[in-house]
Amino acid sequence: MMLQFLAGTLISVINIGLHALVTVVAVVIARNAGWRVTSRPRLNLMGVMIATAVVLMTAHMIEVLIWAVTYDLMDVVSDDKDLLYFAFVNYTTLGYGDITPVLNWQLIGPLTAMNGVLLFGWSAAILFEVLRKTLERLGLTQTSDTNSPRI
C-alpha cells in the first residue's frame, strides 16, 4: 500500500509542476493578447479565452498520458487494456469500472482522480482570472454606476 501512495504522490507532484508551468504560459499568452489595442475587443476576449482553454486542455491531456505511462510501468492492469482510456476515466472521475486495477494497485485510481479534481479546479480558477483580467484590460468591466457588465 505504501508503494501506491508513494507512486501516486510522485506522479501527482510531477503533474502539479507541469500544471504550474502551463499556468505561467497561459498567463503570459493572456497578458500579451489582453494588452493588444483592438477595434474588436470582444473578438480579442474570445481569442484569449480560447487560447487559454486550449493550453490548459493540452496540459490535462499530457497529465493523463503521464498517468497512463505510470500504469504501464507499474503493471497496474493485468491484461493489455487501453491504459490511456483507463487513465482518462480515473483522472476525470468518470469511474466506469469496465477496467479495474490489479489488487496491489487498487488505490492508484482514487489517487489519479484526486489529482485530476485538483488540477481541473486549478484550471477553472485560471480561466476565471484570465477572463477577469482581460475584461479589465479591454475596458469591458462593470461600470461604477451600475452592476451590469458592459459586454
Protein backbone atom coordinates (compact mmCIF):
# COMPACT_ATOMS: atom_id res chain seq x y z
CA MET A 1 0.00 0.00 0.00
CA MET A 2 2.85 2.39 0.76
CA LEU A 3 4.23 1.95 -2.77
CA GLN A 4 0.86 3.03 -4.17
CA PHE A 5 0.85 6.19 -2.07
CA LEU A 6 4.45 6.99 -3.00
CA ALA A 7 3.88 6.40 -6.72
CA GLY A 8 0.60 8.35 -6.66
CA THR A 9 2.19 11.21 -4.77
CA LEU A 10 5.20 11.35 -7.09
CA ILE A 11 3.07 11.41 -10.24
CA SER A 12 0.74 13.97 -8.66
CA VAL A 13 3.70 16.23 -7.84
CA ILE A 14 5.03 15.87 -11.40
CA ASN A 15 1.61 16.81 -12.79
CA ILE A 16 1.28 19.73 -10.36
CA GLY A 17 4.67 21.00 -11.53
CA LEU A 18 3.60 20.67 -15.16
CA HIS A 19 0.35 22.49 -14.39
CA ALA A 20 2.28 25.29 -12.67
CA LEU A 21 4.45 25.68 -15.77
CA VAL A 22 1.39 25.71 -18.03
CA THR A 23 -0.24 28.29 -15.76
CA VAL A 24 2.69 30.62 -16.34
CA VAL A 25 2.45 30.06 -20.11
CA ALA A 26 -1.32 30.66 -20.11
CA VAL A 27 -0.95 33.87 -18.11
CA VAL A 28 1.78 35.18 -20.43
CA ILE A 29 -0.35 34.41 -23.50
CA ALA A 30 -3.39 36.07 -21.95
CA ARG A 31 -1.41 39.08 -20.77
CA ASN A 32 0.16 39.67 -24.20
CA ALA A 33 -3.13 39.27 -26.04
CA GLY A 34 -5.04 41.35 -23.50
CA TRP A 35 -2.73 44.36 -23.91
CA ARG A 36 -3.27 44.43 -27.66
CA VAL A 37 -5.17 47.53 -28.80
CA THR A 38 -8.02 46.40 -30.99
CA SER A 39 -11.16 47.78 -32.54
CA ARG A 40 -12.92 44.50 -31.73
CA PRO A 41 -12.36 43.87 -28.02
CA ARG A 42 -14.95 41.09 -27.84
CA LEU A 43 -13.15 39.09 -30.53
CA ASN A 44 -9.90 39.69 -28.67
CA LEU A 45 -11.53 38.40 -25.47
CA MET A 46 -12.77 35.29 -27.30
CA GLY A 47 -9.31 34.65 -28.70
CA VAL A 48 -7.68 34.99 -25.29
CA MET A 49 -10.17 32.62 -23.69
CA ILE A 50 -9.90 30.04 -26.49
CA ALA A 51 -6.09 30.12 -26.38
CA THR A 52 -6.07 29.77 -22.60
CA ALA A 53 -8.55 26.87 -22.67
CA VAL A 54 -6.56 25.06 -25.39
CA VAL A 55 -3.32 25.43 -23.44
CA LEU A 56 -4.99 24.09 -20.28
CA MET A 57 -6.67 21.19 -22.09
CA THR A 58 -3.34 20.25 -23.65
CA ALA A 59 -1.82 20.21 -20.17
CA HIS A 60 -4.57 17.92 -18.92
CA MET A 61 -4.03 15.53 -21.83
CA ILE A 62 -0.29 15.38 -21.11
CA GLU A 63 -1.04 14.77 -17.42
CA VAL A 64 -3.33 11.87 -18.35
CA LEU A 65 -0.55 10.48 -20.57
CA ILE A 66 1.82 10.64 -17.61
CA TRP A 67 -0.65 8.60 -15.55
CA ALA A 68 -1.06 6.10 -18.41
CA VAL A 69 2.72 5.63 -18.68
CA THR A 70 2.86 5.13 -14.92
CA TYR A 71 0.13 2.49 -15.13
CA ASP A 72 2.12 0.71 -17.81
CA LEU A 73 5.41 0.84 -15.88
CA MET A 74 3.76 -0.43 -12.70
CA ASP A 75 1.64 -3.13 -14.41
CA VAL A 76 -1.50 -1.66 -12.87
CA VAL A 77 -3.88 -3.74 -15.02
CA SER A 78 -3.46 -7.43 -15.76
CA ASP A 79 -4.43 -7.53 -19.45
CA ASP A 80 -3.39 -5.42 -22.39
CA LYS A 81 -6.21 -2.99 -21.69
CA ASP A 82 -6.29 0.54 -23.02
CA LEU A 83 -4.22 2.28 -20.35
CA LEU A 84 -4.85 5.73 -21.82
CA TYR A 85 -8.60 5.16 -21.58
CA PHE A 86 -8.21 3.83 -18.03
CA ALA A 87 -6.16 6.90 -17.08
CA PHE A 88 -8.76 9.26 -18.58
CA VAL A 89 -11.60 7.51 -16.75
CA ASN A 90 -9.74 7.83 -13.44
CA TYR A 91 -8.40 11.38 -13.99
CA THR A 92 -11.82 12.74 -14.94
CA THR A 93 -13.51 10.79 -12.11
CA LEU A 94 -15.92 9.07 -14.52
CA GLY A 95 -15.21 5.72 -12.90
CA TYR A 96 -16.91 3.46 -15.45
CA GLY A 97 -15.43 0.38 -13.79
CA ASP A 98 -15.02 -1.57 -17.03
CA ILE A 99 -11.26 -1.72 -16.41
CA THR A 100 -10.06 -2.35 -12.88
CA PRO A 101 -6.54 -2.35 -11.47
CA VAL A 102 -4.85 -5.43 -10.09
CA LEU A 103 -5.30 -5.99 -6.37
CA ASN A 104 -1.90 -4.48 -5.44
CA TRP A 105 -2.77 -1.19 -7.21
CA GLN A 106 -6.36 -0.54 -6.14
CA LEU A 107 -5.57 2.87 -4.66
CA ILE A 108 -3.98 4.26 -7.83
CA GLY A 109 -7.38 5.07 -9.39
CA PRO A 110 -8.58 7.23 -6.49
CA LEU A 111 -5.15 8.91 -6.31
CA THR A 112 -5.40 9.70 -10.03
CA ALA A 113 -8.92 11.06 -9.53
CA MET A 114 -7.79 13.23 -6.64
CA ASN A 115 -5.05 14.69 -8.84
CA GLY A 116 -7.50 15.30 -11.69
CA VAL A 117 -10.06 17.04 -9.50
CA LEU A 118 -7.39 19.32 -8.06
CA LEU A 119 -5.99 20.25 -11.47
CA PHE A 120 -9.42 20.78 -13.05
CA GLY A 121 -10.29 23.16 -10.23
CA TRP A 122 -6.99 24.94 -10.74
CA SER A 123 -7.74 25.28 -14.46
CA ALA A 124 -11.18 26.72 -13.74
CA ALA A 125 -9.57 29.30 -11.46
CA ILE A 126 -7.05 30.21 -14.17
CA LEU A 127 -9.79 30.62 -16.78
CA PHE A 128 -11.80 32.83 -14.45
CA GLU A 129 -8.80 35.02 -13.61
CA VAL A 130 -7.76 35.34 -17.27
CA LEU A 131 -11.33 36.34 -18.13
CA ARG A 132 -11.44 38.88 -15.31
CA LYS A 133 -8.08 40.45 -16.16
CA THR A 134 -8.77 40.53 -19.91
CA LEU A 135 -12.16 42.17 -19.37
CA GLU A 136 -10.46 44.72 -17.15
CA ARG A 137 -7.71 45.49 -19.69
CA LEU A 138 -10.14 45.75 -22.59
CA GLY A 139 -12.37 48.12 -20.65
CA LEU A 140 -15.29 45.68 -20.63
CA THR A 141 -15.71 45.52 -16.87
CA GLN A 142 -18.61 46.77 -14.82
CA THR A 143 -19.19 50.48 -14.68
CA SER A 144 -19.20 52.24 -11.34
CA ASP A 145 -22.84 53.44 -11.58
CA THR A 146 -24.47 50.08 -12.40
CA ASN A 147 -23.88 46.47 -11.57
CA SER A 148 -24.36 45.26 -15.11
CA PRO A 149 -21.35 44.39 -17.25
CA ARG A 150 -20.69 46.36 -20.44
CA ILE A 151 -20.10 43.26 -22.54
